[in-house]
Amino acid sequence: MIDATGSAVTALKAFQKKLDVTANNIANVNTDHFKKSRAILSEGENGGVQANVDQVGPVDPNETLANGESIDAESSNVDLVEEFTEMIKSETAYKANAKTIHSQEKMLGSLLDMFS
């Protein structure tokens, strides 16, 4: 059986790491030669969640934008729209796991009150 609290705690840690990676990417959006990182979530031990951080490869110097402009291979490969979208998803998942812990705590408190 998967422990709901333990699973939610590992998810909180994983989403915190994911938020940290996103914040680092956003902070370095204008830093030359910076290559963004991505936190990939996967199943951990006993039904928990873990975050593995990987650096996203360099920008293709031959890539062009839709308007015909070429991308400077020296600049950062951080896309702010993508980063903010990831941040919103991570924040929502973080809140959901925190609510799981809070609900478990209330349920256990009610159970203990019944037997007191």
PDB file of N, CA and C in Angstrom:
ATOM      1  N   MET A   1       0.834  -1.175   0.000  1.00  0.00           N
ATOM      2  CA  MET A   1       0.000   0.000   0.000  1.00  0.00           C
ATOM      3  C   MET A   1       0.885   1.247   0.000  1.00  0.00           C
ATOM      4  N   ILE A   2       0.482   2.234  -0.785  1.00  0.00           N
ATOM      5  CA  ILE A   2       1.225   3.481  -0.870  1.00  0.00           C
ATOM      6  C   ILE A   2       0.756   4.418   0.236  1.00  0.00           C
ATOM      7  N   ASP A   3       1.692   4.929   0.996  1.00  0.00           N
ATOM      8  CA  ASP A   3       1.395   5.878   2.061  1.00  0.00           C
ATOM      9  C   ASP A   3       1.124   7.244   1.426  1.00  0.00           C
ATOM     10  N   ALA A   4      -0.096   7.768   1.608  1.00  0.00           N
ATOM     11  CA  ALA A   4      -0.488   9.021   0.966  1.00  0.00           C
ATOM     12  C   ALA A   4       0.386  10.184   1.415  1.00  0.00           C
ATOM     13  N   THR A   5       0.687  10.251   2.688  1.00  0.00           N
ATOM     14  CA  THR A   5       1.494  11.356   3.190  1.00  0.00           C
ATOM     15  C   THR A   5       2.919  11.267   2.655  1.00  0.00           C
ATOM     16  N   GLY A   6       3.493  10.084   2.697  1.00  0.00           N
ATOM     17  CA  GLY A   6       4.854   9.909   2.198  1.00  0.00           C
ATOM     18  C   GLY A   6       4.969  10.222   0.717  1.00  0.00           C
ATOM     19  N   SER A   7       3.982   9.782  -0.040  1.00  0.00           N
ATOM     20  CA  SER A   7       3.967  10.057  -1.471  1.00  0.00           C
ATOM     21  C   SER A   7       3.831  11.555  -1.744  1.00  0.00           C
ATOM     22  N   ALA A   8       2.952  12.212  -0.982  1.00  0.00           N
ATOM     23  CA  ALA A   8       2.753  13.654  -1.163  1.00  0.00           C
ATOM     24  C   ALA A   8       4.001  14.441  -0.762  1.00  0.00           C
ATOM     25  N   VAL A   9       4.695  14.000   0.271  1.00  0.00           N
ATOM     26  CA  VAL A   9       5.919  14.692   0.701  1.00  0.00           C
ATOM     27  C   VAL A   9       7.000  14.579  -0.370  1.00  0.00           C
ATOM     28  N   THR A  10       7.163  13.393  -0.949  1.00  0.00           N
ATOM     29  CA  THR A  10       8.173  13.253  -2.008  1.00  0.00           C
ATOM     30  C   THR A  10       7.780  14.080  -3.225  1.00  0.00           C
ATOM     31  N   ALA A  11       6.473  14.183  -3.499  1.00  0.00           N
ATOM     32  CA  ALA A  11       6.015  15.019  -4.612  1.00  0.00           C
ATOM     33  C   ALA A  11       6.299  16.493  -4.332  1.00  0.00           C
ATOM     34  N   LEU A  12       6.090  16.928  -3.082  1.00  0.00           N
ATOM     35  CA  LEU A  12       6.404  18.319  -2.725  1.00  0.00           C
ATOM     36  C   LEU A  12       7.876  18.621  -2.978  1.00  0.00           C
ATOM     37  N   LYS A  13       8.738  17.699  -2.583  1.00  0.00           N
ATOM     38  CA  LYS A  13      10.180  17.898  -2.791  1.00  0.00           C
ATOM     39  C   LYS A  13      10.513  17.942  -4.279  1.00  0.00           C
ATOM     40  N   ALA A  14       9.887  17.050  -5.054  1.00  0.00           N
ATOM     41  CA  ALA A  14      10.146  17.001  -6.499  1.00  0.00           C
ATOM     42  C   ALA A  14       9.657  18.272  -7.185  1.00  0.00           C
ATOM     43  N   PHE A  15       8.457  18.732  -6.826  1.00  0.00           N
ATOM     44  CA  PHE A  15       7.945  19.953  -7.447  1.00  0.00           C
ATOM     45  C   PHE A  15       8.719  21.183  -6.989  1.00  0.00           C
ATOM     46  N   GLN A  16       9.242  21.172  -5.768  1.00  0.00           N
ATOM     47  CA  GLN A  16      10.098  22.268  -5.323  1.00  0.00           C
ATOM     48  C   GLN A  16      11.364  22.321  -6.172  1.00  0.00           C
ATOM     49  N   LYS A  17      11.938  21.158  -6.445  1.00  0.00           N
ATOM     50  CA  LYS A  17      13.134  21.100  -7.285  1.00  0.00           C
ATOM     51  C   LYS A  17      12.804  21.598  -8.692  1.00  0.00           C
ATOM     52  N   LYS A  18      11.643  21.200  -9.203  1.00  0.00           N
ATOM     53  CA  LYS A  18      11.215  21.638 -10.530  1.00  0.00           C
ATOM     54  C   LYS A  18      11.031  23.157 -10.559  1.00  0.00           C
ATOM     55  N   LEU A  19      10.441  23.722  -9.512  1.00  0.00           N
ATOM     56  CA  LEU A  19      10.285  25.173  -9.430  1.00  0.00           C
ATOM     57  C   LEU A  19      11.639  25.871  -9.339  1.00  0.00           C
ATOM     58  N   ASP A  20      12.584  25.283  -8.612  1.00  0.00           N
ATOM     59  CA  ASP A  20      13.931  25.853  -8.507  1.00  0.00           C
ATOM     60  C   ASP A  20      14.618  25.892  -9.879  1.00  0.00           C
ATOM     61  N   VAL A  21      14.471  24.826 -10.649  1.00  0.00           N
ATOM     62  CA  VAL A  21      15.068  24.768 -11.992  1.00  0.00           C
ATOM     63  C   VAL A  21      14.433  25.831 -12.885  1.00  0.00           C
ATOM     64  N   THR A  22      13.110  25.948 -12.819  1.00  0.00           N
ATOM     65  CA  THR A  22      12.410  26.957 -13.622  1.00  0.00           C
ATOM     66  C   THR A  22      12.849  28.365 -13.238  1.00  0.00           C
ATOM     67  N   ALA A  23      12.963  28.617 -11.943  1.00  0.00           N
ATOM     68  CA  ALA A  23      13.406  29.939 -11.477  1.00  0.00           C
ATOM     69  C   ALA A  23      14.816  30.244 -11.964  1.00  0.00           C
ATOM     70  N   ASN A  24      15.690  29.261 -11.950  1.00  0.00           N
ATOM     71  CA  ASN A  24      17.055  29.448 -12.441  1.00  0.00           C
ATOM     72  C   ASN A  24      17.052  29.761 -13.934  1.00  0.00           C
ATOM     73  N   ASN A  25      16.208  29.058 -14.683  1.00  0.00           N
ATOM     74  CA  ASN A  25      16.113  29.324 -16.119  1.00  0.00           C
ATOM     75  C   ASN A  25      15.634  30.753 -16.375  1.00  0.00           C
ATOM     76  N   ILE A  26      14.598  31.173 -15.644  1.00  0.00           N
ATOM     77  CA  ILE A  26      14.058  32.525 -15.826  1.00  0.00           C
ATOM     78  C   ILE A  26      15.096  33.574 -15.446  1.00  0.00           C
ATOM     79  N   ALA A  27      15.824  33.338 -14.365  1.00  0.00           N
ATOM     80  CA  ALA A  27      16.838  34.295 -13.918  1.00  0.00           C
ATOM     81  C   ALA A  27      17.967  34.460 -14.942  1.00  0.00           C
ATOM     82  N   ASN A  28      18.191  33.434 -15.757  1.00  0.00           N
ATOM     83  CA  ASN A  28      19.296  33.463 -16.719  1.00  0.00           C
ATOM     84  C   ASN A  28      18.838  33.628 -18.162  1.00  0.00           C
ATOM     85  N   VAL A  29      17.616  34.107 -18.355  1.00  0.00           N
ATOM     86  CA  VAL A  29      17.063  34.224 -19.707  1.00  0.00           C
ATOM     87  C   VAL A  29      17.928  35.117 -20.607  1.00  0.00           C
ATOM     88  N   ASN A  30      18.571  36.118 -20.052  1.00  0.00           N
ATOM     89  CA  ASN A  30      19.403  37.029 -20.857  1.00  0.00           C
ATOM     90  C   ASN A  30      20.890  36.777 -20.690  1.00  0.00           C
ATOM     91  N   THR A  31      21.266  35.647 -20.114  1.00  0.00           N
ATOM     92  CA  THR A  31      22.678  35.325 -19.909  1.00  0.00           C
ATOM     93  C   THR A  31      23.220  34.607 -21.141  1.00  0.00           C
ATOM     94  N   ASP A  32      24.227  35.201 -21.767  1.00  0.00           N
ATOM     95  CA  ASP A  32      24.837  34.565 -22.933  1.00  0.00           C
ATOM     96  C   ASP A  32      25.429  33.215 -22.558  1.00  0.00           C
ATOM     97  N   HIS A  33      25.319  32.264 -23.462  1.00  0.00           N
ATOM     98  CA  HIS A  33      25.860  30.909 -23.336  1.00  0.00           C
ATOM     99  C   HIS A  33      25.123  30.046 -22.311  1.00  0.00           C
ATOM    100  N   PHE A  34      24.065  30.568 -21.679  1.00  0.00           N
ATOM    101  CA  PHE A  34      23.318  29.768 -20.699  1.00  0.00           C
ATOM    102  C   PHE A  34      22.413  28.803 -21.445  1.00  0.00           C
ATOM    103  N   LYS A  35      22.422  27.552 -21.019  1.00  0.00           N
ATOM    104  CA  LYS A  35      21.545  26.535 -21.588  1.00  0.00           C
ATOM    105  C   LYS A  35      20.597  26.068 -20.495  1.00  0.00           C
ATOM    106  N   LYS A  36      19.311  26.122 -20.785  1.00  0.00           N
ATOM    107  CA  LYS A  36      18.296  25.811 -19.786  1.00  0.00           C
ATOM    108  C   LYS A  36      18.371  24.361 -19.330  1.00  0.00           C
ATOM    109  N   SER A  37      17.808  24.133 -18.155  1.00  0.00           N
ATOM    110  CA  SER A  37      17.701  22.789 -17.591  1.00  0.00           C
ATOM    111  C   SER A  37      16.233  22.426 -17.497  1.00  0.00           C
ATOM    112  N   ARG A  38      15.960  21.160 -17.372  1.00  0.00           N
ATOM    113  CA  ARG A  38      14.608  20.652 -17.239  1.00  0.00           C
ATOM    114  C   ARG A  38      14.591  19.635 -16.111  1.00  0.00           C
ATOM    115  N   ALA A  39      13.598  19.724 -15.245  1.00  0.00           N
ATOM    116  CA  ALA A  39      13.403  18.722 -14.192  1.00  0.00           C
ATOM    117  C   ALA A  39      12.351  17.738 -14.696  1.00  0.00           C
ATOM    118  N   ILE A  40      12.747  16.505 -14.861  1.00  0.00           N
ATOM    119  CA  ILE A  40      11.853  15.457 -15.346  1.00  0.00           C
ATOM    120  C   ILE A  40      11.395  14.643 -14.141  1.00  0.00           C
ATOM    121  N   LEU A  41      10.091  14.541 -13.967  1.00  0.00           N
ATOM    122  CA  LEU A  41       9.533  13.795 -12.833  1.00  0.00           C
ATOM    123  C   LEU A  41       9.336  12.338 -13.213  1.00  0.00           C
ATOM    124  N   SER A  42       9.625  11.470 -12.257  1.00  0.00           N
ATOM    125  CA  SER A  42       9.419  10.039 -12.469  1.00  0.00           C
ATOM    126  C   SER A  42       9.034   9.396 -11.146  1.00  0.00           C
ATOM    127  N   GLU A  43       8.565   8.159 -11.243  1.00  0.00           N
ATOM    128  CA  GLU A  43       8.158   7.436 -10.042  1.00  0.00           C
ATOM    129  C   GLU A  43       9.390   7.029  -9.256  1.00  0.00           C
ATOM    130  N   GLY A  44       9.346   7.314  -7.968  1.00  0.00           N
ATOM    131  CA  GLY A  44      10.450   6.949  -7.087  1.00  0.00           C
ATOM    132  C   GLY A  44      10.120   5.697  -6.309  1.00  0.00           C
ATOM    133  N   GLU A  45      10.841   5.499  -5.237  1.00  0.00           N
ATOM    134  CA  GLU A  45      10.629   4.326  -4.400  1.00  0.00           C
ATOM    135  C   GLU A  45       9.287   4.400  -3.676  1.00  0.00           C
ATOM    136  N   ASN A  46       8.651   3.259  -3.510  1.00  0.00           N
ATOM    137  CA  ASN A  46       7.395   3.137  -2.765  1.00  0.00           C
ATOM    138  C   ASN A  46       6.305   4.090  -3.232  1.00  0.00           C
ATOM    139  N   GLY A  47       6.218   4.327  -4.532  1.00  0.00           N
ATOM    140  CA  GLY A  47       5.176   5.176  -5.073  1.00  0.00           C
ATOM    141  C   GLY A  47       5.428   6.653  -4.936  1.00  0.00           C
ATOM    142  N   GLY A  48       6.620   7.024  -4.559  1.00  0.00           N
ATOM    143  CA  GLY A  48       6.953   8.436  -4.423  1.00  0.00           C
ATOM    144  C   GLY A  48       7.273   9.068  -5.765  1.00  0.00           C
ATOM    145  N   VAL A  49       7.668  10.324  -5.717  1.00  0.00           N
ATOM    146  CA  VAL A  49       8.010  11.083  -6.923  1.00  0.00           C
ATOM    147  C   VAL A  49       9.432  11.604  -6.775  1.00  0.00           C
ATOM    148  N   GLN A  50      10.189  11.555  -7.859  1.00  0.00           N
ATOM    149  CA  GLN A  50      11.530  12.130  -7.834  1.00  0.00           C
ATOM    150  C   GLN A  50      11.732  12.997  -9.064  1.00  0.00           C
ATOM    151  N   ALA A  51      12.600  13.977  -8.939  1.00  0.00           N
ATOM    152  CA  ALA A  51      12.906  14.890 -10.046  1.00  0.00           C
ATOM    153  C   ALA A  51      14.355  14.708 -10.461  1.00  0.00           C
ATOM    154  N   ASN A  52      14.563  14.457 -11.743  1.00  0.00           N
ATOM    155  CA  ASN A  52      15.904  14.352 -12.306  1.00  0.00           C
ATOM    156  C   ASN A  52      16.127  15.568 -13.196  1.00  0.00           C
ATOM    157  N   VAL A  53      17.246  16.256 -12.993  1.00  0.00           N
ATOM    158  CA  VAL A  53      17.527  17.484 -13.725  1.00  0.00           C
ATOM    159  C   VAL A  53      18.473  17.169 -14.882  1.00  0.00           C
ATOM    160  N   ASP A  54      18.062  17.605 -16.088  1.00  0.00           N
ATOM    161  CA  ASP A  54      18.875  17.442 -17.290  1.00  0.00           C
ATOM    162  C   ASP A  54      19.019  18.789 -17.962  1.00  0.00           C
ATOM    163  N   GLN A  55      20.189  19.025 -18.541  1.00  0.00           N
ATOM    164  CA  GLN A  55      20.391  20.259 -19.295  1.00  0.00           C
ATOM    165  C   GLN A  55      19.885  20.034 -20.710  1.00  0.00           C
ATOM    166  N   VAL A  56      19.141  21.017 -21.210  1.00  0.00           N
ATOM    167  CA  VAL A  56      18.614  20.949 -22.572  1.00  0.00           C
ATOM    168  C   VAL A  56      19.710  21.399 -23.517  1.00  0.00           C
ATOM    169  N   GLY A  57      19.869  20.668 -24.608  1.00  0.00           N
ATOM    170  CA  GLY A  57      20.961  20.903 -25.545  1.00  0.00           C
ATOM    171  C   GLY A  57      21.066  22.308 -26.075  1.00  0.00           C
ATOM    172  N   PRO A  58      22.180  22.601 -26.748  1.00  0.00           N
ATOM    173  CA  PRO A  58      22.419  23.945 -27.264  1.00  0.00           C
ATOM    174  C   PRO A  58      21.451  24.293 -28.397  1.00  0.00           C
ATOM    175  N   VAL A  59      21.339  25.569 -28.658  1.00  0.00           N
ATOM    176  CA  VAL A  59      20.500  26.050 -29.746  1.00  0.00           C
ATOM    177  C   VAL A  59      21.160  25.689 -31.067  1.00  0.00           C
ATOM    178  N   ASP A  60      20.371  25.235 -32.032  1.00  0.00           N
ATOM    179  CA  ASP A  60      20.876  24.928 -33.363  1.00  0.00           C
ATOM    180  C   ASP A  60      21.212  26.239 -34.079  1.00  0.00           C
ATOM    181  N   PRO A  61      22.482  26.458 -34.446  1.00  0.00           N
ATOM    182  CA  PRO A  61      22.856  27.731 -35.064  1.00  0.00           C
ATOM    183  C   PRO A  61      22.193  27.953 -36.421  1.00  0.00           C
ATOM    184  N   ASN A  62      21.691  26.888 -37.055  1.00  0.00           N
ATOM    185  CA  ASN A  62      21.048  27.015 -38.361  1.00  0.00           C
ATOM    186  C   ASN A  62      19.542  27.216 -38.261  1.00  0.00           C
ATOM    187  N   GLU A  63      19.001  27.193 -37.042  1.00  0.00           N
ATOM    188  CA  GLU A  63      17.563  27.325 -36.852  1.00  0.00           C
ATOM    189  C   GLU A  63      17.134  28.769 -37.133  1.00  0.00           C
ATOM    190  N   THR A  64      15.985  28.912 -37.793  1.00  0.00           N
ATOM    191  CA  THR A  64      15.446  30.241 -38.058  1.00  0.00           C
ATOM    192  C   THR A  64      14.040  30.344 -37.496  1.00  0.00           C
ATOM    193  N   LEU A  65      13.666  31.544 -37.134  1.00  0.00           N
ATOM    194  CA  LEU A  65      12.336  31.792 -36.613  1.00  0.00           C
ATOM    195  C   LEU A  65      11.357  31.927 -37.773  1.00  0.00           C
ATOM    196  N   ALA A  66      10.053  31.931 -37.448  1.00  0.00           N
ATOM    197  CA  ALA A  66       9.016  32.021 -38.471  1.00  0.00           C
ATOM    198  C   ALA A  66       9.134  33.294 -39.307  1.00  0.00           C
ATOM    199  N   ASN A  67       9.622  34.369 -38.712  1.00  0.00           N
ATOM    200  CA  ASN A  67       9.732  35.630 -39.456  1.00  0.00           C
ATOM    201  C   ASN A  67      11.039  35.734 -40.252  1.00  0.00           C
ATOM    202  N   GLY A  68      11.829  34.661 -40.294  1.00  0.00           N
ATOM    203  CA  GLY A  68      13.049  34.640 -41.089  1.00  0.00           C
ATOM    204  C   GLY A  68      14.303  35.034 -40.355  1.00  0.00           C
ATOM    205  N   GLU A  69      14.190  35.499 -39.099  1.00  0.00           N
ATOM    206  CA  GLU A  69      15.371  35.864 -38.332  1.00  0.00           C
ATOM    207  C   GLU A  69      16.105  34.605 -37.896  1.00  0.00           C
ATOM    208  N   SER A  70      17.425  34.663 -37.884  1.00  0.00           N
ATOM    209  CA  SER A  70      18.186  33.521 -37.395  1.00  0.00           C
ATOM    210  C   SER A  70      18.399  33.658 -35.893  1.00  0.00           C
ATOM    211  N   ILE A  71      18.574  32.528 -35.237  1.00  0.00           N
ATOM    212  CA  ILE A  71      18.777  32.512 -33.789  1.00  0.00           C
ATOM    213  C   ILE A  71      20.270  32.594 -33.512  1.00  0.00           C
ATOM    214  N   ASP A  72      20.655  33.470 -32.606  1.00  0.00           N
ATOM    215  CA  ASP A  72      22.047  33.622 -32.213  1.00  0.00           C
ATOM    216  C   ASP A  72      22.433  32.441 -31.329  1.00  0.00           C
ATOM    217  N   ALA A  73      23.365  31.612 -31.761  1.00  0.00           N
ATOM    218  CA  ALA A  73      23.773  30.424 -31.010  1.00  0.00           C
ATOM    219  C   ALA A  73      24.452  30.783 -29.697  1.00  0.00           C
ATOM    220  N   GLU A  74      24.866  32.038 -29.543  1.00  0.00           N
ATOM    221  CA  GLU A  74      25.546  32.467 -28.332  1.00  0.00           C
ATOM    222  C   GLU A  74      24.571  32.815 -27.204  1.00  0.00           C
ATOM    223  N   SER A  75      23.310  33.053 -27.533  1.00  0.00           N
ATOM    224  CA  SER A  75      22.350  33.494 -26.524  1.00  0.00           C
ATOM    225  C   SER A  75      21.759  32.308 -25.767  1.00  0.00           C
ATOM    226  N   SER A  76      21.016  32.613 -24.759  1.00  0.00           N
ATOM    227  CA  SER A  76      20.343  31.607 -23.940  1.00  0.00           C
ATOM    228  C   SER A  76      19.252  30.918 -24.756  1.00  0.00           C
ATOM    229  N   ASN A  77      18.956  29.662 -24.431  1.00  0.00           N
ATOM    230  CA  ASN A  77      17.883  28.950 -25.125  1.00  0.00           C
ATOM    231  C   ASN A  77      16.619  28.873 -24.263  1.00  0.00           C
ATOM    232  N   VAL A  78      16.442  29.815 -23.353  1.00  0.00           N
ATOM    233  CA  VAL A  78      15.291  29.847 -22.458  1.00  0.00           C
ATOM    234  C   VAL A  78      14.129  30.547 -23.142  1.00  0.00           C
ATOM    235  N   ASP A  79      12.971  29.909 -23.143  1.00  0.00           N
ATOM    236  CA  ASP A  79      11.741  30.486 -23.678  1.00  0.00           C
ATOM    237  C   ASP A  79      10.858  30.848 -22.493  1.00  0.00           C
ATOM    238  N   LEU A  80      10.649  32.145 -22.275  1.00  0.00           N
ATOM    239  CA  LEU A  80       9.899  32.599 -21.102  1.00  0.00           C
ATOM    240  C   LEU A  80       8.467  32.066 -21.064  1.00  0.00           C
ATOM    241  N   VAL A  81       7.817  31.968 -22.207  1.00  0.00           N
ATOM    242  CA  VAL A  81       6.445  31.445 -22.240  1.00  0.00           C
ATOM    243  C   VAL A  81       6.427  30.009 -21.724  1.00  0.00           C
ATOM    244  N   GLU A  82       7.357  29.212 -22.192  1.00  0.00           N
ATOM    245  CA  GLU A  82       7.454  27.816 -21.748  1.00  0.00           C
ATOM    246  C   GLU A  82       7.767  27.739 -20.254  1.00  0.00           C
ATOM    247  N   GLU A  83       8.669  28.589 -19.786  1.00  0.00           N
ATOM    248  CA  GLU A  83       9.057  28.567 -18.374  1.00  0.00           C
ATOM    249  C   GLU A  83       7.898  28.962 -17.467  1.00  0.00           C
ATOM    250  N   PHE A  84       7.158  30.006 -17.853  1.00  0.00           N
ATOM    251  CA  PHE A  84       6.022  30.425 -17.029  1.00  0.00           C
ATOM    252  C   PHE A  84       4.914  29.383 -17.033  1.00  0.00           C
ATOM    253  N   THR A  85       4.718  28.715 -18.160  1.00  0.00           N
ATOM    254  CA  THR A  85       3.732  27.631 -18.227  1.00  0.00           C
ATOM    255  C   THR A  85       4.136  26.492 -17.297  1.00  0.00           C
ATOM    256  N   GLU A  86       5.405  26.114 -17.328  1.00  0.00           N
ATOM    257  CA  GLU A  86       5.899  25.058 -16.428  1.00  0.00           C
ATOM    258  C   GLU A  86       5.763  25.474 -14.972  1.00  0.00           C
ATOM    259  N   MET A  87       6.018  26.751 -14.689  1.00  0.00           N
ATOM    260  CA  MET A  87       5.921  27.242 -13.321  1.00  0.00           C
ATOM    261  C   MET A  87       4.484  27.157 -12.811  1.00  0.00           C
ATOM    262  N   ILE A  88       3.535  27.515 -13.632  1.00  0.00           N
ATOM    263  CA  ILE A  88       2.124  27.449 -13.227  1.00  0.00           C
ATOM    264  C   ILE A  88       1.706  26.002 -12.979  1.00  0.00           C
ATOM    265  N   LYS A  89       2.117  25.091 -13.854  1.00  0.00           N
ATOM    266  CA  LYS A  89       1.780  23.667 -13.667  1.00  0.00           C
ATOM    267  C   LYS A  89       2.407  23.123 -12.386  1.00  0.00           C
ATOM    268  N   SER A  90       3.659  23.471 -12.143  1.00  0.00           N
ATOM    269  CA  SER A  90       4.347  22.986 -10.942  1.00  0.00           C
ATOM    270  C   SER A  90       3.728  23.553  -9.676  1.00  0.00           C
ATOM    271  N   GLU A  91       3.369  24.832  -9.713  1.00  0.00           N
ATOM    272  CA  GLU A  91       2.746  25.470  -8.553  1.00  0.00           C
ATOM    273  C   GLU A  91       1.407  24.816  -8.217  1.00  0.00           C
ATOM    274  N   THR A  92       0.624  24.524  -9.242  1.00  0.00           N
ATOM    275  CA  THR A  92      -0.671  23.879  -9.045  1.00  0.00           C
ATOM    276  C   THR A  92      -0.501  22.479  -8.461  1.00  0.00           C
ATOM    277  N   ALA A  93       0.437  21.732  -8.981  1.00  0.00           N
ATOM    278  CA  ALA A  93       0.693  20.375  -8.471  1.00  0.00           C
ATOM    279  C   ALA A  93       1.234  20.425  -7.044  1.00  0.00           C
ATOM    280  N   TYR A  94       2.067  21.415  -6.748  1.00  0.00           N
ATOM    281  CA  TYR A  94       2.600  21.588  -5.393  1.00  0.00           C
ATOM    282  C   TYR A  94       1.458  21.835  -4.415  1.00  0.00           C
ATOM    283  N   LYS A  95       0.548  22.743  -4.781  1.00  0.00           N
ATOM    284  CA  LYS A  95      -0.601  23.044  -3.925  1.00  0.00           C
ATOM    285  C   LYS A  95      -1.492  21.818  -3.728  1.00  0.00           C
ATOM    286  N   ALA A  96      -1.686  21.031  -4.778  1.00  0.00           N
ATOM    287  CA  ALA A  96      -2.525  19.833  -4.674  1.00  0.00           C
ATOM    288  C   ALA A  96      -1.920  18.825  -3.701  1.00  0.00           C
ATOM    289  N   ASN A  97      -0.611  18.656  -3.750  1.00  0.00           N
ATOM    290  CA  ASN A  97       0.039  17.720  -2.823  1.00  0.00           C
ATOM    291  C   ASN A  97       0.034  18.252  -1.397  1.00  0.00           C
ATOM    292  N   ALA A  98       0.165  19.560  -1.233  1.00  0.00           N
ATOM    293  CA  ALA A  98       0.071  20.153   0.110  1.00  0.00           C
ATOM    294  C   ALA A  98      -1.338  19.950   0.669  1.00  0.00           C
ATOM    295  N   LYS A  99      -2.345  20.075  -0.188  1.00  0.00           N
ATOM    296  CA  LYS A  99      -3.733  19.859   0.233  1.00  0.00           C
ATOM    297  C   LYS A  99      -3.949  18.395   0.623  1.00  0.00           C
ATOM    298  N   THR A 100      -3.304  17.474  -0.061  1.00  0.00           N
ATOM    299  CA  THR A 100      -3.388  16.054   0.290  1.00  0.00           C
ATOM    300  C   THR A 100      -2.876  15.821   1.707  1.00  0.00           C
ATOM    301  N   ILE A 101      -1.753  16.432   2.035  1.00  0.00           N
ATOM    302  CA  ILE A 101      -1.184  16.282   3.378  1.00  0.00           C
ATOM    303  C   ILE A 101      -2.124  16.900   4.414  1.00  0.00           C
ATOM    304  N   HIS A 102      -2.650  18.071   4.105  1.00  0.00           N
ATOM    305  CA  HIS A 102      -3.572  18.743   5.027  1.00  0.00           C
ATOM    306  C   HIS A 102      -4.835  17.895   5.245  1.00  0.00           C
ATOM    307  N   SER A 103      -5.382  17.332   4.187  1.00  0.00           N
ATOM    308  CA  SER A 103      -6.586  16.496   4.297  1.00  0.00           C
ATOM    309  C   SER A 103      -6.310  15.242   5.110  1.00  0.00           C
ATOM    310  N   GLN A 104      -5.163  14.636   4.896  1.00  0.00           N
ATOM    311  CA  GLN A 104      -4.774  13.442   5.660  1.00  0.00           C
ATOM    312  C   GLN A 104      -4.665  13.789   7.147  1.00  0.00           C
ATOM    313  N   GLU A 105      -4.091  14.942   7.439  1.00  0.00           N
ATOM    314  CA  GLU A 105      -3.945  15.381   8.831  1.00  0.00           C
ATOM    315  C   GLU A 105      -5.320  15.580   9.485  1.00  0.00           C
ATOM    316  N   LYS A 106      -6.242  16.217   8.772  1.00  0.00           N
ATOM    317  CA  LYS A 106      -7.586  16.437   9.302  1.00  0.00           C
ATOM    318  C   LYS A 106      -8.319  15.104   9.515  1.00  0.00           C
ATOM    319  N   MET A 107      -8.141  14.183   8.570  1.00  0.00           N
ATOM    320  CA  MET A 107      -8.800  12.893   8.667  1.00  0.00           C
ATOM    321  C   MET A 107      -8.274  12.110   9.873  1.00  0.00           C
ATOM    322  N   LEU A 108      -6.987  12.117  10.071  1.00  0.00           N
ATOM    323  CA  LEU A 108      -6.410  11.426  11.221  1.00  0.00           C
ATOM    324  C   LEU A 108      -6.842  12.074  12.526  1.00  0.00           C
ATOM    325  N   GLY A 109      -6.940  13.417  12.544  1.00  0.00           N
ATOM    326  CA  GLY A 109      -7.400  14.130  13.721  1.00  0.00           C
ATOM    327  C   GLY A 109      -8.838  13.758  14.066  1.00  0.00           C
ATOM    328  N   SER A 110      -9.689  13.658  13.054  1.00  0.00           N
ATOM    329  CA  SER A 110     -11.082  13.267  13.287  1.00  0.00           C
ATOM    330  C   SER A 110     -11.169  11.832  13.798  1.00  0.00           C
ATOM    331  N   LEU A 111     -10.342  10.979  13.250  1.00  0.00           N
ATOM    332  CA  LEU A 111     -10.323   9.579  13.682  1.00  0.00           C
ATOM    333  C   LEU A 111      -9.890   9.463  15.139  1.00  0.00           C
ATOM    334  N   LEU A 112      -8.879  10.231  15.518  1.00  0.00           N
ATOM    335  CA  LEU A 112      -8.406  10.210  16.895  1.00  0.00           C
ATOM    336  C   LEU A 112      -9.456  10.781  17.853  1.00  0.00           C
ATOM    337  N   ASP A 113     -10.178  11.801  17.390  1.00  0.00           N
ATOM    338  CA  ASP A 113     -11.252  12.386  18.217  1.00  0.00           C
ATOM    339  C   ASP A 113     -12.361  11.369  18.491  1.00  0.00           C
ATOM    340  N   MET A 114     -12.628  10.485  17.539  1.00  0.00           N
ATOM    341  CA  MET A 114     -13.666   9.459  17.712  1.00  0.00           C
ATOM    342  C   MET A 114     -13.319   8.487  18.831  1.00  0.00           C
ATOM    343  N   PHE A 115     -12.037   8.196  18.953  1.00  0.00           N
ATOM    344  CA  PHE A 115     -11.602   7.203  19.921  1.00  0.00           C
ATOM    345  C   PHE A 115     -11.156   7.828  21.248  1.00  0.00           C
ATOM    346  N   SER A 116     -11.260   9.124  21.372  1.00  0.00           N
ATOM    347  CA  SER A 116     -10.844   9.781  22.620  1.00  0.00           C
ATOM    348  C   SER A 116     -11.959   9.826  23.622  1.00  0.00           C
TER     349      SER A 116
END
